[in-house]
Amino acid sequence: MNEYRLFLVDLEKHKVLLRSVMAHGSGRGSTIEEAVCSNEPGSNCSSLGRYRFGANYNGRWGNSFRLHGLDPGNNRALQRAIVFHYYQYMTDDPESGSLYYSQGCPMVPKSTYLKVKKIVESESQPLVLWIYK
């Protein structure tokens, strides 16, 4: 079963602004219960660490944000084409029973993506994506 894996937190107010399901990479035997992580190109695994949102563009997965890895465990994010994007068939209902995996990207439902996009583009607050286990 899916779980909420994405939390948007206002650190000044100590308040959760958004929660959502989020897919992780499918590589090296990852399961929905346990993600296998790697920074290796071609691994299809998610990489642990902090990411800065980069340029917004339209690509293979539609509207997406490039991600810049800020830590040794994810410093190949650009080389690996790890991006923040949505999947049109993914729902934000963890009880739906649908399981989703990505090719290493943090992938979310479109409704979540649009909310995060609005915040990133407003530049009113710095936004860092932090993937951890």
C-alpha atoms as a PDB file:
ATOM      1  CA  MET A   1       0.000   0.000   0.000  1.00  0.00           C
ATOM      2  CA  ASN A   2       1.203   3.532  -0.744  1.00  0.00           C
ATOM      3  CA  GLU A   3       2.056   5.966   2.016  1.00  0.00           C
ATOM      4  CA  TYR A   4       2.411   9.699   2.201  1.00  0.00           C
ATOM      5  CA  ARG A   5       6.052  10.232   1.330  1.00  0.00           C
ATOM      6  CA  LEU A   6       6.108  13.916   0.372  1.00  0.00           C
ATOM      7  CA  PHE A   7       5.633  16.567   3.029  1.00  0.00           C
ATOM      8  CA  LEU A   8       5.896  20.271   2.344  1.00  0.00           C
ATOM      9  CA  VAL A   9       6.772  21.910   5.653  1.00  0.00           C
ATOM     10  CA  ASP A  10       6.947  25.567   6.657  1.00  0.00           C
ATOM     11  CA  LEU A  11      10.005  25.427   8.915  1.00  0.00           C
ATOM     12  CA  GLU A  12       9.362  28.846  10.437  1.00  0.00           C
ATOM     13  CA  LYS A  13       5.787  28.027  11.490  1.00  0.00           C
ATOM     14  CA  HIS A  14       6.431  24.301  12.107  1.00  0.00           C
ATOM     15  CA  LYS A  15       3.402  23.472   9.983  1.00  0.00           C
ATOM     16  CA  VAL A  16       2.798  20.823   7.323  1.00  0.00           C
ATOM     17  CA  LEU A  17       1.468  22.643   4.262  1.00  0.00           C
ATOM     18  CA  LEU A  18       0.992  19.641   1.997  1.00  0.00           C
ATOM     19  CA  ARG A  19       1.284  15.874   2.104  1.00  0.00           C
ATOM     20  CA  SER A  20       1.151  13.526  -0.837  1.00  0.00           C
ATOM     21  CA  VAL A  21       2.004  10.093  -2.097  1.00  0.00           C
ATOM     22  CA  MET A  22       5.244   9.999  -4.043  1.00  0.00           C
ATOM     23  CA  ALA A  23       6.790   7.212  -6.081  1.00  0.00           C
ATOM     24  CA  HIS A  24      10.386   6.150  -5.681  1.00  0.00           C
ATOM     25  CA  GLY A  25      12.752   4.447  -8.088  1.00  0.00           C
ATOM     26  CA  SER A  26      12.150   0.903  -9.281  1.00  0.00           C
ATOM     27  CA  GLY A  27      15.775  -0.180  -9.544  1.00  0.00           C
ATOM     28  CA  ARG A  28      17.717  -2.976  -7.885  1.00  0.00           C
ATOM     29  CA  GLY A  29      14.778  -4.731  -6.307  1.00  0.00           C
ATOM     30  CA  SER A  30      13.063  -1.746  -4.726  1.00  0.00           C
ATOM     31  CA  THR A  31       9.695  -2.493  -3.216  1.00  0.00           C
ATOM     32  CA  ILE A  32       6.947  -0.163  -2.063  1.00  0.00           C
ATOM     33  CA  GLU A  33       7.952  -1.004   1.530  1.00  0.00           C
ATOM     34  CA  GLU A  34      11.695  -0.609   1.040  1.00  0.00           C
ATOM     35  CA  ALA A  35      13.378   1.660  -1.482  1.00  0.00           C
ATOM     36  CA  VAL A  36      16.813   0.640  -2.703  1.00  0.00           C
ATOM     37  CA  CYS A  37      18.806   3.819  -3.284  1.00  0.00           C
ATOM     38  CA  SER A  38      21.747   4.531  -5.563  1.00  0.00           C
ATOM     39  CA  ASN A  39      23.453   7.467  -7.280  1.00  0.00           C
ATOM     40  CA  GLU A  40      24.700   5.297 -10.162  1.00  0.00           C
ATOM     41  CA  PRO A  41      23.633   6.147 -13.725  1.00  0.00           C
ATOM     42  CA  GLY A  42      21.255   3.563 -15.160  1.00  0.00           C
ATOM     43  CA  SER A  43      20.277   2.181 -11.749  1.00  0.00           C
ATOM     44  CA  ASN A  44      16.639   3.440 -11.868  1.00  0.00           C
ATOM     45  CA  CYS A  45      16.999   4.035  -8.126  1.00  0.00           C
ATOM     46  CA  SER A  46      16.144   7.116  -6.123  1.00  0.00           C
ATOM     47  CA  SER A  47      19.107   8.924  -4.574  1.00  0.00           C
ATOM     48  CA  LEU A  48      19.205  10.139  -1.000  1.00  0.00           C
ATOM     49  CA  GLY A  49      19.935  13.728  -0.083  1.00  0.00           C
ATOM     50  CA  ARG A  50      18.891  17.316  -0.621  1.00  0.00           C
ATOM     51  CA  TYR A  51      17.951  18.743  -4.014  1.00  0.00           C
ATOM     52  CA  ARG A  52      17.549  22.281  -5.313  1.00  0.00           C
ATOM     53  CA  PHE A  53      14.800  22.872  -7.864  1.00  0.00           C
ATOM     54  CA  GLY A  54      16.233  23.942 -11.204  1.00  0.00           C
ATOM     55  CA  ALA A  55      14.767  24.919 -14.544  1.00  0.00           C
ATOM     56  CA  ASN A  56      11.195  24.058 -15.455  1.00  0.00           C
ATOM     57  CA  TYR A  57      10.802  22.451 -18.881  1.00  0.00           C
ATOM     58  CA  ASN A  58       8.527  20.236 -20.968  1.00  0.00           C
ATOM     59  CA  GLY A  59      10.014  16.835 -21.608  1.00  0.00           C
ATOM     60  CA  ARG A  60       9.337  13.127 -21.729  1.00  0.00           C
ATOM     61  CA  TRP A  61       7.148  13.275 -18.607  1.00  0.00           C
ATOM     62  CA  GLY A  62       5.470  16.565 -19.463  1.00  0.00           C
ATOM     63  CA  ASN A  63       6.099  19.648 -17.364  1.00  0.00           C
ATOM     64  CA  SER A  64       8.993  18.914 -14.992  1.00  0.00           C
ATOM     65  CA  PHE A  65      11.695  20.515 -12.868  1.00  0.00           C
ATOM     66  CA  ARG A  66      15.333  19.603 -13.197  1.00  0.00           C
ATOM     67  CA  LEU A  67      16.833  18.690  -9.833  1.00  0.00           C
ATOM     68  CA  HIS A  68      20.331  19.586  -8.676  1.00  0.00           C
ATOM     69  CA  GLY A  69      21.744  17.183  -6.099  1.00  0.00           C
ATOM     70  CA  LEU A  70      23.367  19.011  -3.184  1.00  0.00           C
ATOM     71  CA  ASP A  71      24.960  16.023  -1.443  1.00  0.00           C
ATOM     72  CA  PRO A  72      27.527  13.342  -2.369  1.00  0.00           C
ATOM     73  CA  GLY A  73      24.725  10.735  -2.468  1.00  0.00           C
ATOM     74  CA  ASN A  74      22.804  12.575  -5.216  1.00  0.00           C
ATOM     75  CA  ASN A  75      25.392  14.719  -7.002  1.00  0.00           C
ATOM     76  CA  ARG A  76      24.725  12.902 -10.299  1.00  0.00           C
ATOM     77  CA  ALA A  77      21.050  13.969 -10.475  1.00  0.00           C
ATOM     78  CA  LEU A  78      21.538  16.123 -13.592  1.00  0.00           C
ATOM     79  CA  GLN A  79      23.654  13.448 -15.313  1.00  0.00           C
ATOM     80  CA  ARG A  80      20.981  10.847 -14.484  1.00  0.00           C
ATOM     81  CA  ALA A  81      18.130  13.147 -15.608  1.00  0.00           C
ATOM     82  CA  ILE A  82      16.452  12.902 -12.200  1.00  0.00           C
ATOM     83  CA  VAL A  83      13.569  15.363 -12.305  1.00  0.00           C
ATOM     84  CA  PHE A  84      10.514  16.263 -10.228  1.00  0.00           C
ATOM     85  CA  HIS A  85       7.456  15.400 -12.313  1.00  0.00           C
ATOM     86  CA  TYR A  86       3.923  14.098 -12.183  1.00  0.00           C
ATOM     87  CA  TYR A  87       2.272  10.998 -13.550  1.00  0.00           C
ATOM     88  CA  GLN A  88      -1.210  11.643 -14.875  1.00  0.00           C
ATOM     89  CA  TYR A  89      -2.682   8.344 -13.659  1.00  0.00           C
ATOM     90  CA  MET A  90      -1.296   8.577 -10.132  1.00  0.00           C
ATOM     91  CA  THR A  91      -3.792   9.565  -7.425  1.00  0.00           C
ATOM     92  CA  ASP A  92      -3.167  11.174  -4.055  1.00  0.00           C
ATOM     93  CA  ASP A  93      -5.082   8.449  -2.253  1.00  0.00           C
ATOM     94  CA  PRO A  94      -2.730   6.098  -0.392  1.00  0.00           C
ATOM     95  CA  GLU A  95      -5.615   3.668   0.096  1.00  0.00           C
ATOM     96  CA  SER A  96      -6.249   3.274  -3.643  1.00  0.00           C
ATOM     97  CA  GLY A  97      -4.121   0.150  -3.791  1.00  0.00           C
ATOM     98  CA  SER A  98      -2.272   1.387  -6.879  1.00  0.00           C
ATOM     99  CA  LEU A  99       1.496   1.114  -6.642  1.00  0.00           C
ATOM    100  CA  TYR A 100       3.739   3.381  -8.669  1.00  0.00           C
ATOM    101  CA  TYR A 101       7.455   3.334  -9.315  1.00  0.00           C
ATOM    102  CA  SER A 102       9.608   5.758 -11.261  1.00  0.00           C
ATOM    103  CA  GLN A 103      12.963   5.443 -12.981  1.00  0.00           C
ATOM    104  CA  GLY A 104      14.582   7.176 -10.015  1.00  0.00           C
ATOM    105  CA  CYS A 105      12.616  10.426 -10.077  1.00  0.00           C
ATOM    106  CA  PRO A 106      10.432  11.765  -7.279  1.00  0.00           C
ATOM    107  CA  MET A 107       7.090  11.365  -9.082  1.00  0.00           C
ATOM    108  CA  VAL A 108       3.819  12.717  -7.695  1.00  0.00           C
ATOM    109  CA  PRO A 109       0.155  13.093  -8.687  1.00  0.00           C
ATOM    110  CA  LYS A 110      -0.578  16.026 -10.994  1.00  0.00           C
ATOM    111  CA  SER A 111      -2.549  17.894  -8.301  1.00  0.00           C
ATOM    112  CA  THR A 112       0.487  17.777  -5.976  1.00  0.00           C
ATOM    113  CA  TYR A 113       2.850  18.762  -8.766  1.00  0.00           C
ATOM    114  CA  LEU A 114       0.803  21.867  -9.602  1.00  0.00           C
ATOM    115  CA  LYS A 115       0.791  22.991  -5.952  1.00  0.00           C
ATOM    116  CA  VAL A 116       4.558  22.538  -5.636  1.00  0.00           C
ATOM    117  CA  LYS A 117       5.126  24.250  -9.005  1.00  0.00           C
ATOM    118  CA  LYS A 118       3.194  27.292  -7.841  1.00  0.00           C
ATOM    119  CA  ILE A 119       5.412  27.586  -4.760  1.00  0.00           C
ATOM    120  CA  VAL A 120       8.656  27.044  -6.675  1.00  0.00           C
ATOM    121  CA  GLU A 121       7.723  29.641  -9.283  1.00  0.00           C
ATOM    122  CA  SER A 122       6.511  32.194  -6.722  1.00  0.00           C
ATOM    123  CA  GLU A 123      10.045  32.459  -5.317  1.00  0.00           C
ATOM    124  CA  SER A 124       8.436  33.636  -2.091  1.00  0.00           C
ATOM    125  CA  GLN A 125      10.109  30.815  -0.189  1.00  0.00           C
ATOM    126  CA  PRO A 126      13.201  28.723  -0.857  1.00  0.00           C
ATOM    127  CA  LEU A 127      12.214  25.133  -1.473  1.00  0.00           C
ATOM    128  CA  VAL A 128      14.513  22.162  -0.990  1.00  0.00           C
ATOM    129  CA  LEU A 129      13.521  18.574  -1.687  1.00  0.00           C
ATOM    130  CA  TRP A 130      15.084  16.173   0.808  1.00  0.00           C
ATOM    131  CA  ILE A 131      14.886  12.447   0.112  1.00  0.00           C
ATOM    132  CA  TYR A 132      15.781  10.235   3.035  1.00  0.00           C
ATOM    133  CA  LYS A 133      15.103   6.739   4.355  1.00  0.00           C
END
